[in-house]
Every structure is written in C-alpha cells, then in structure tokens.
PDB file of N, CA and C in Angstrom:
ATOM      1  N   UNK A   1      16.640 -18.204  13.918  1.00  0.00           N
ATOM      2  CA  UNK A   1      15.482 -17.442  13.478  1.00  0.00           C
ATOM      3  C   UNK A   1      15.963 -16.067  13.009  1.00  0.00           C
ATOM      4  N   UNK A   2      15.443 -15.582  11.861  1.00  0.00           N
ATOM      5  CA  UNK A   2      15.858 -14.286  11.334  1.00  0.00           C
ATOM      6  C   UNK A   2      15.185 -13.148  12.094  1.00  0.00           C
ATOM      7  N   UNK A   3      15.724 -11.942  11.920  1.00  0.00           N
ATOM      8  CA  UNK A   3      15.128 -10.785  12.611  1.00  0.00           C
ATOM      9  C   UNK A   3      13.734 -10.483  12.082  1.00  0.00           C
ATOM     10  N   UNK A   4      13.470 -10.775  10.790  1.00  0.00           N
ATOM     11  CA  UNK A   4      12.124 -10.582  10.238  1.00  0.00           C
ATOM     12  C   UNK A   4      11.125 -11.499  10.935  1.00  0.00           C
ATOM     13  N   UNK A   5      11.506 -12.758  11.117  1.00  0.00           N
ATOM     14  CA  UNK A   5      10.611 -13.705  11.773  1.00  0.00           C
ATOM     15  C   UNK A   5      10.393 -13.317  13.229  1.00  0.00           C
ATOM     16  N   UNK A   6      11.456 -12.836  13.885  1.00  0.00           N
ATOM     17  CA  UNK A   6      11.320 -12.401  15.269  1.00  0.00           C
ATOM     18  C   UNK A   6      10.391 -11.202  15.376  1.00  0.00           C
ATOM     19  N   UNK A   7      10.374 -10.337  14.346  1.00  0.00           N
ATOM     20  CA  UNK A   7       9.529  -9.145  14.348  1.00  0.00           C
ATOM     21  C   UNK A   7       8.102  -9.457  13.898  1.00  0.00           C
ATOM     22  N   UNK A   8       7.825 -10.725  13.578  1.00  0.00           N
ATOM     23  CA  UNK A   8       6.481 -11.095  13.180  1.00  0.00           C
ATOM     24  C   UNK A   8       6.196 -10.903  11.700  1.00  0.00           C
ATOM     25  N   UNK A   9       7.218 -10.616  10.906  1.00  0.00           N
ATOM     26  CA  UNK A   9       7.036 -10.453   9.459  1.00  0.00           C
ATOM     27  C   UNK A   9       7.283 -11.784   8.772  1.00  0.00           C
ATOM     28  N   UNK A  10       6.599 -12.021   7.653  1.00  0.00           N
ATOM     29  CA  UNK A  10       6.839 -13.271   6.918  1.00  0.00           C
ATOM     30  C   UNK A  10       8.251 -13.273   6.332  1.00  0.00           C
ATOM     31  N   UNK A  11       8.784 -14.447   6.050  1.00  0.00           N
ATOM     32  CA  UNK A  11      10.130 -14.516   5.475  1.00  0.00           C
ATOM     33  C   UNK A  11      10.163 -13.897   4.080  1.00  0.00           C
ATOM     34  N   UNK A  12      11.322 -13.410   3.688  1.00  0.00           N
ATOM     35  CA  UNK A  12      11.495 -12.795   2.371  1.00  0.00           C
ATOM     36  C   UNK A  12      11.433 -13.877   1.306  1.00  0.00           C
ATOM     37  N   UNK A  13      10.586 -13.665   0.306  1.00  0.00           N
ATOM     38  CA  UNK A  13      10.434 -14.610  -0.788  1.00  0.00           C
ATOM     39  C   UNK A  13      11.177 -14.107  -2.023  1.00  0.00           C
ATOM     40  N   UNK A  14      11.132 -12.793  -2.238  1.00  0.00           N
ATOM     41  CA  UNK A  14      11.762 -12.200  -3.419  1.00  0.00           C
ATOM     42  C   UNK A  14      12.216 -10.790  -3.082  1.00  0.00           C
ATOM     43  N   UNK A  15      13.344 -10.407  -3.621  1.00  0.00           N
ATOM     44  CA  UNK A  15      13.844  -9.041  -3.440  1.00  0.00           C
ATOM     45  C   UNK A  15      13.733  -8.298  -4.766  1.00  0.00           C
ATOM     46  N   UNK A  16      13.481  -6.990  -4.692  1.00  0.00           N
ATOM     47  CA  UNK A  16      13.381  -6.165  -5.890  1.00  0.00           C
ATOM     48  C   UNK A  16      14.068  -4.833  -5.627  1.00  0.00           C
ATOM     49  N   UNK A  17      14.835  -4.392  -6.580  1.00  0.00           N
ATOM     50  CA  UNK A  17      15.470  -3.078  -6.524  1.00  0.00           C
ATOM     51  C   UNK A  17      14.623  -2.165  -7.401  1.00  0.00           C
ATOM     52  N   UNK A  18      13.982  -1.165  -6.801  1.00  0.00           N
ATOM     53  CA  UNK A  18      13.008  -0.348  -7.512  1.00  0.00           C
ATOM     54  C   UNK A  18      13.438   1.112  -7.508  1.00  0.00           C
ATOM     55  N   UNK A  19      13.381   1.748  -8.684  1.00  0.00           N
ATOM     56  CA  UNK A  19      13.634   3.179  -8.805  1.00  0.00           C
ATOM     57  C   UNK A  19      12.287   3.890  -8.701  1.00  0.00           C
ATOM     58  N   UNK A  20      12.168   4.806  -7.730  1.00  0.00           N
ATOM     59  CA  UNK A  20      10.902   5.504  -7.502  1.00  0.00           C
ATOM     60  C   UNK A  20      10.885   6.843  -8.216  1.00  0.00           C
ATOM     61  N   UNK A  21       9.716   7.186  -8.769  1.00  0.00           N
ATOM     62  CA  UNK A  21       9.541   8.533  -9.307  1.00  0.00           C
ATOM     63  C   UNK A  21       9.463   9.493  -8.123  1.00  0.00           C
ATOM     64  N   UNK A  22       9.716  10.782  -8.343  1.00  0.00           N
ATOM     65  CA  UNK A  22       9.731  11.733  -7.223  1.00  0.00           C
ATOM     66  C   UNK A  22       8.461  11.715  -6.376  1.00  0.00           C
ATOM     67  N   UNK A  23       7.292  11.596  -7.012  1.00  0.00           N
ATOM     68  CA  UNK A  23       6.036  11.602  -6.271  1.00  0.00           C
ATOM     69  C   UNK A  23       5.928  10.389  -5.349  1.00  0.00           C
ATOM     70  N   UNK A  24       6.393   9.240  -5.812  1.00  0.00           N
ATOM     71  CA  UNK A  24       6.349   8.027  -4.995  1.00  0.00           C
ATOM     72  C   UNK A  24       7.330   8.141  -3.826  1.00  0.00           C
ATOM     73  N   UNK A  25       8.507   8.702  -4.068  1.00  0.00           N
ATOM     74  CA  UNK A  25       9.488   8.889  -2.998  1.00  0.00           C
ATOM     75  C   UNK A  25       8.937   9.838  -1.935  1.00  0.00           C
ATOM     76  N   UNK A  26       8.254  10.895  -2.357  1.00  0.00           N
ATOM     77  CA  UNK A  26       7.642  11.829  -1.405  1.00  0.00           C
ATOM     78  C   UNK A  26       6.532  11.149  -0.614  1.00  0.00           C
ATOM     79  N   UNK A  27       5.749  10.312  -1.295  1.00  0.00           N
ATOM     80  CA  UNK A  27       4.666   9.603  -0.612  1.00  0.00           C
ATOM     81  C   UNK A  27       5.234   8.669   0.456  1.00  0.00           C
ATOM     82  N   UNK A  28       6.315   7.967   0.143  1.00  0.00           N
ATOM     83  CA  UNK A  28       6.926   7.078   1.138  1.00  0.00           C
ATOM     84  C   UNK A  28       7.447   7.880   2.315  1.00  0.00           C
ATOM     85  N   UNK A  29       8.090   9.018   2.034  1.00  0.00           N
ATOM     86  CA  UNK A  29       8.590   9.862   3.134  1.00  0.00           C
ATOM     87  C   UNK A  29       7.445  10.312   4.044  1.00  0.00           C
ATOM     88  N   UNK A  30       6.340  10.768   3.446  1.00  0.00           N
ATOM     89  CA  UNK A  30       5.187  11.207   4.245  1.00  0.00           C
ATOM     90  C   UNK A  30       4.620  10.062   5.074  1.00  0.00           C
ATOM     91  N   UNK A  31       4.498   8.892   4.443  1.00  0.00           N
ATOM     92  CA  UNK A  31       3.958   7.737   5.160  1.00  0.00           C
ATOM     93  C   UNK A  31       4.888   7.295   6.294  1.00  0.00           C
ATOM     94  N   UNK A  32       6.200   7.358   6.061  1.00  0.00           N
ATOM     95  CA  UNK A  32       7.139   7.005   7.128  1.00  0.00           C
ATOM     96  C   UNK A  32       6.990   7.957   8.314  1.00  0.00           C
ATOM     97  N   UNK A  33       6.826   9.236   8.028  1.00  0.00           N
ATOM     98  CA  UNK A  33       6.664  10.220   9.105  1.00  0.00           C
ATOM     99  C   UNK A  33       5.379   9.969   9.890  1.00  0.00           C
ATOM    100  N   UNK A  34       4.294   9.647   9.174  1.00  0.00           N
ATOM    101  CA  UNK A  34       3.006   9.433   9.843  1.00  0.00           C
ATOM    102  C   UNK A  34       2.922   8.099  10.572  1.00  0.00           C
ATOM    103  N   UNK A  35       3.519   7.055   9.994  1.00  0.00           N
ATOM    104  CA  UNK A  35       3.310   5.711  10.535  1.00  0.00           C
ATOM    105  C   UNK A  35       4.491   5.155  11.315  1.00  0.00           C
ATOM    106  N   UNK A  36       5.689   5.628  11.006  1.00  0.00           N
ATOM    107  CA  UNK A  36       6.885   5.069  11.626  1.00  0.00           C
ATOM    108  C   UNK A  36       7.306   3.738  11.020  1.00  0.00           C
ATOM    109  N   UNK A  37       6.642   3.317   9.943  1.00  0.00           N
ATOM    110  CA  UNK A  37       6.985   2.048   9.299  1.00  0.00           C
ATOM    111  C   UNK A  37       8.210   2.196   8.407  1.00  0.00           C
ATOM    112  N   UNK A  38       8.873   1.075   8.153  1.00  0.00           N
ATOM    113  CA  UNK A  38      10.023   1.044   7.253  1.00  0.00           C
ATOM    114  C   UNK A  38       9.541   1.072   5.809  1.00  0.00           C
ATOM    115  N   UNK A  39      10.426   1.542   4.908  1.00  0.00           N
ATOM    116  CA  UNK A  39      10.069   1.605   3.492  1.00  0.00           C
ATOM    117  C   UNK A  39       9.626   0.253   2.961  1.00  0.00           C
ATOM    118  N   UNK A  40      10.327  -0.799   3.325  1.00  0.00           N
ATOM    119  CA  UNK A  40       9.982  -2.128   2.827  1.00  0.00           C
ATOM    120  C   UNK A  40       8.571  -2.511   3.254  1.00  0.00           C
ATOM    121  N   UNK A  41       8.185  -2.174   4.476  1.00  0.00           N
ATOM    122  CA  UNK A  41       6.836  -2.500   4.940  1.00  0.00           C
ATOM    123  C   UNK A  41       5.784  -1.682   4.194  1.00  0.00           C
ATOM    124  N   UNK A  42       6.081  -0.416   3.932  1.00  0.00           N
ATOM    125  CA  UNK A  42       5.145   0.427   3.190  1.00  0.00           C
ATOM    126  C   UNK A  42       4.965  -0.062   1.753  1.00  0.00           C
ATOM    127  N   UNK A  43       6.055  -0.438   1.105  1.00  0.00           N
ATOM    128  CA  UNK A  43       5.964  -0.930  -0.274  1.00  0.00           C
ATOM    129  C   UNK A  43       5.174  -2.237  -0.311  1.00  0.00           C
ATOM    130  N   UNK A  44       5.448  -3.140   0.623  1.00  0.00           N
ATOM    131  CA  UNK A  44       4.696  -4.399   0.661  1.00  0.00           C
ATOM    132  C   UNK A  44       3.208  -4.143   0.864  1.00  0.00           C
ATOM    133  N   UNK A  45       2.860  -3.268   1.786  1.00  0.00           N
ATOM    134  CA  UNK A  45       1.446  -2.957   2.027  1.00  0.00           C
ATOM    135  C   UNK A  45       0.808  -2.315   0.807  1.00  0.00           C
ATOM    136  N   UNK A  46       1.528  -1.398   0.160  1.00  0.00           N
ATOM    137  CA  UNK A  46       0.997  -0.722  -1.022  1.00  0.00           C
ATOM    138  C   UNK A  46       0.700  -1.721  -2.134  1.00  0.00           C
ATOM    139  N   UNK A  47       1.591  -2.673  -2.339  1.00  0.00           N
ATOM    140  CA  UNK A  47       1.369  -3.671  -3.385  1.00  0.00           C
ATOM    141  C   UNK A  47       0.186  -4.571  -3.061  1.00  0.00           C
ATOM    142  N   UNK A  48       0.033  -4.948  -1.815  1.00  0.00           N
ATOM    143  CA  UNK A  48      -1.113  -5.774  -1.423  1.00  0.00           C
ATOM    144  C   UNK A  48      -2.428  -5.019  -1.622  1.00  0.00           C
ATOM    145  N   UNK A  49      -2.447  -3.745  -1.274  1.00  0.00           N
ATOM    146  CA  UNK A  49      -3.650  -2.930  -1.468  1.00  0.00           C
ATOM    147  C   UNK A  49      -3.942  -2.750  -2.953  1.00  0.00           C
ATOM    148  N   UNK A  50      -2.913  -2.469  -3.742  1.00  0.00           N
ATOM    149  CA  UNK A  50      -3.085  -2.286  -5.179  1.00  0.00           C
ATOM    150  C   UNK A  50      -3.650  -3.555  -5.820  1.00  0.00           C
ATOM    151  N   UNK A  51      -3.123  -4.713  -5.447  1.00  0.00           N
ATOM    152  CA  UNK A  51      -3.612  -5.967  -6.020  1.00  0.00           C
ATOM    153  C   UNK A  51      -5.065  -6.200  -5.645  1.00  0.00           C
ATOM    154  N   UNK A  52      -5.427  -5.920  -4.397  1.00  0.00           N
ATOM    155  CA  UNK A  52      -6.811  -6.088  -3.949  1.00  0.00           C
ATOM    156  C   UNK A  52      -7.750  -5.177  -4.737  1.00  0.00           C
ATOM    157  N   UNK A  53      -7.399  -3.899  -4.858  1.00  0.00           N
ATOM    158  CA  UNK A  53      -8.244  -2.942  -5.577  1.00  0.00           C
ATOM    159  C   UNK A  53      -8.368  -3.330  -7.043  1.00  0.00           C
ATOM    160  N   UNK A  54      -7.255  -3.709  -7.668  1.00  0.00           N
ATOM    161  CA  UNK A  54      -7.290  -4.111  -9.075  1.00  0.00           C
ATOM    162  C   UNK A  54      -8.217  -5.312  -9.278  1.00  0.00           C
ATOM    163  N   UNK A  55      -8.092  -6.313  -8.419  1.00  0.00           N
ATOM    164  CA  UNK A  55      -8.937  -7.505  -8.541  1.00  0.00           C
ATOM    165  C   UNK A  55     -10.409  -7.153  -8.345  1.00  0.00           C
ATOM    166  N   UNK A  56     -10.712  -6.322  -7.361  1.00  0.00           N
ATOM    167  CA  UNK A  56     -12.109  -5.932  -7.108  1.00  0.00           C
ATOM    168  C   UNK A  56     -12.688  -5.156  -8.285  1.00  0.00           C
ATOM    169  N   UNK A  57     -11.923  -4.208  -8.819  1.00  0.00           N
ATOM    170  CA  UNK A  57     -12.423  -3.405  -9.933  1.00  0.00           C
ATOM    171  C   UNK A  57     -12.604  -4.242 -11.192  1.00  0.00           C
ATOM    172  N   UNK A  58     -11.682  -5.169 -11.425  1.00  0.00           N
ATOM    173  CA  UNK A  58     -11.828  -6.053 -12.586  1.00  0.00           C
ATOM    174  C   UNK A  58     -13.028  -6.976 -12.418  1.00  0.00           C
ATOM    175  N   UNK A  59     -13.433  -7.206 -11.190  1.00  0.00           N
ATOM    176  CA  UNK A  59     -14.608  -8.015 -10.908  1.00  0.00           C
ATOM    177  C   UNK A  59     -15.899  -7.223 -10.917  1.00  0.00           C
ATOM    178  N   UNK A  60     -15.816  -5.931 -11.220  1.00  0.00           N
ATOM    179  CA  UNK A  60     -17.016  -5.109 -11.336  1.00  0.00           C
ATOM    180  C   UNK A  60     -17.334  -4.247 -10.125  1.00  0.00           C
ATOM    181  N   UNK A  61     -16.524  -4.302  -9.094  1.00  0.00           N
ATOM    182  CA  UNK A  61     -16.787  -3.490  -7.900  1.00  0.00           C
ATOM    183  C   UNK A  61     -16.368  -2.040  -8.125  1.00  0.00           C
ATOM    184  N   UNK A  62     -16.939  -1.155  -7.314  1.00  0.00           N
ATOM    185  CA  UNK A  62     -16.550   0.249  -7.295  1.00  0.00           C
ATOM    186  C   UNK A  62     -15.904   0.548  -5.950  1.00  0.00           C
ATOM    187  N   UNK A  63     -15.061   1.563  -5.934  1.00  0.00           N
ATOM    188  CA  UNK A  63     -14.380   1.965  -4.711  1.00  0.00           C
ATOM    189  C   UNK A  63     -15.065   3.222  -4.178  1.00  0.00           C
ATOM    190  N   UNK A  64     -15.515   3.168  -2.928  1.00  0.00           N
ATOM    191  CA  UNK A  64     -16.153   4.305  -2.276  1.00  0.00           C
ATOM    192  C   UNK A  64     -15.368   4.689  -1.034  1.00  0.00           C
ATOM    193  N   UNK A  65     -15.299   5.984  -0.763  1.00  0.00           N
ATOM    194  CA  UNK A  65     -14.751   6.482   0.490  1.00  0.00           C
ATOM    195  C   UNK A  65     -15.884   7.113   1.276  1.00  0.00           C
ATOM    196  N   UNK A  66     -15.920   6.857   2.566  1.00  0.00           N
ATOM    197  CA  UNK A  66     -16.930   7.451   3.429  1.00  0.00           C
ATOM    198  C   UNK A  66     -16.215   8.367   4.414  1.00  0.00           C
ATOM    199  N   UNK A  67     -16.605   9.647   4.427  1.00  0.00           N
ATOM    200  CA  UNK A  67     -15.962  10.588   5.346  1.00  0.00           C
ATOM    201  C   UNK A  67     -16.524  10.430   6.752  1.00  0.00           C
ATOM    202  N   UNK A  68     -15.983  11.193   7.672  1.00  0.00           N
ATOM    203  CA  UNK A  68     -16.364  11.055   9.081  1.00  0.00           C
ATOM    204  C   UNK A  68     -17.812  11.454   9.343  1.00  0.00           C
ATOM    205  N   UNK A  69     -18.436  12.144   8.391  1.00  0.00           N
ATOM    206  CA  UNK A  69     -19.841  12.542   8.547  1.00  0.00           C
ATOM    207  C   UNK A  69     -20.789  11.605   7.812  1.00  0.00           C
ATOM    208  N   UNK A  70     -20.244  10.502   7.285  1.00  0.00           N
ATOM    209  CA  UNK A  70     -21.082   9.501   6.640  1.00  0.00           C
ATOM    210  C   UNK A  70     -21.366   9.744   5.174  1.00  0.00           C
ATOM    211  N   UNK A  71     -20.733  10.730   4.572  1.00  0.00           N
ATOM    212  CA  UNK A  71     -20.944  10.998   3.147  1.00  0.00           C
ATOM    213  C   UNK A  71     -20.045  10.092   2.323  1.00  0.00           C
ATOM    214  N   UNK A  72     -20.621   9.505   1.274  1.00  0.00           N
ATOM    215  CA  UNK A  72     -19.858   8.633   0.379  1.00  0.00           C
ATOM    216  C   UNK A  72     -19.377   9.398  -0.843  1.00  0.00           C
ATOM    217  N   UNK A  73     -18.202   9.011  -1.298  1.00  0.00           N
ATOM    218  CA  UNK A  73     -17.630   9.602  -2.506  1.00  0.00           C
ATOM    219  C   UNK A  73     -17.097   8.471  -3.370  1.00  0.00           C
ATOM    220  N   UNK A  74     -17.555   8.391  -4.614  1.00  0.00           N
ATOM    221  CA  UNK A  74     -17.058   7.390  -5.549  1.00  0.00           C
ATOM    222  C   UNK A  74     -15.653   7.782  -5.964  1.00  0.00           C
ATOM    223  N   UNK A  75     -14.736   6.828  -5.894  1.00  0.00           N
ATOM    224  CA  UNK A  75     -13.340   7.076  -6.270  1.00  0.00           C
ATOM    225  C   UNK A  75     -13.114   6.525  -7.660  1.00  0.00           C
ATOM    226  N   UNK A  76     -12.601   7.370  -8.545  1.00  0.00           N
ATOM    227  CA  UNK A  76     -12.282   6.925  -9.896  1.00  0.00           C
ATOM    228  C   UNK A  76     -10.790   6.630  -9.935  1.00  0.00           C
ATOM    229  N   UNK A  77     -10.480   5.374 -10.212  1.00  0.00           N
ATOM    230  CA  UNK A  77      -9.093   4.939 -10.313  1.00  0.00           C
ATOM    231  C   UNK A  77      -8.906   4.402 -11.714  1.00  0.00           C
ATOM    232  N   UNK A  78      -7.924   4.931 -12.411  1.00  0.00           N
ATOM    233  CA  UNK A  78      -7.660   4.500 -13.776  1.00  0.00           C
ATOM    234  C   UNK A  78      -6.487   3.541 -13.753  1.00  0.00           C
ATOM    235  N   UNK A  79      -6.760   2.316 -14.166  1.00  0.00           N
ATOM    236  CA  UNK A  79      -5.707   1.285 -14.153  1.00  0.00           C
ATOM    237  C   UNK A  79      -5.473   0.782 -15.553  1.00  0.00           C
TER     238      UNK A  79
END
C-alpha cells in the first residue's frame, strides 16, 4: 500500500509540473501557513473548487458569500 493510500488520499492518476505566477505562489504559501496542508493537496482542492464553480456558473447559477452577520454579497467571477 502506498503512503498516499495509507494517508487516506486517492491514488495518483496524473502528475503535472506547473509554473506558478507570483500571486499564486503567495496564495499557496498563505494557505499552507493557515491550513498546514501540502501544496499538492491545496492544488487538488483548488482545481476541484474551480471546476465546481465553473460548472455552476455555466449552468446559470450565481455565487454568493454570506458574512457572519447574515449579509449576502454577490461575487463576480470572470471566467
């Protein structure tokens, strides 16, 4: 059994070598500090979220954020 499977992660299906723009590299650093997750886990999660949002928006949905006081804010995402 691989260490990924032992850690509860799905097996690797495809590998990608990606060059990050400075803003993306900073975002990963911030997320690693806040979450303690590995870069590979953050990139996988980001791609899953991006695909979900893209599919929802293409289907006509809007993205809303609700703050802790219950106020909604429409999020404009340009894809």
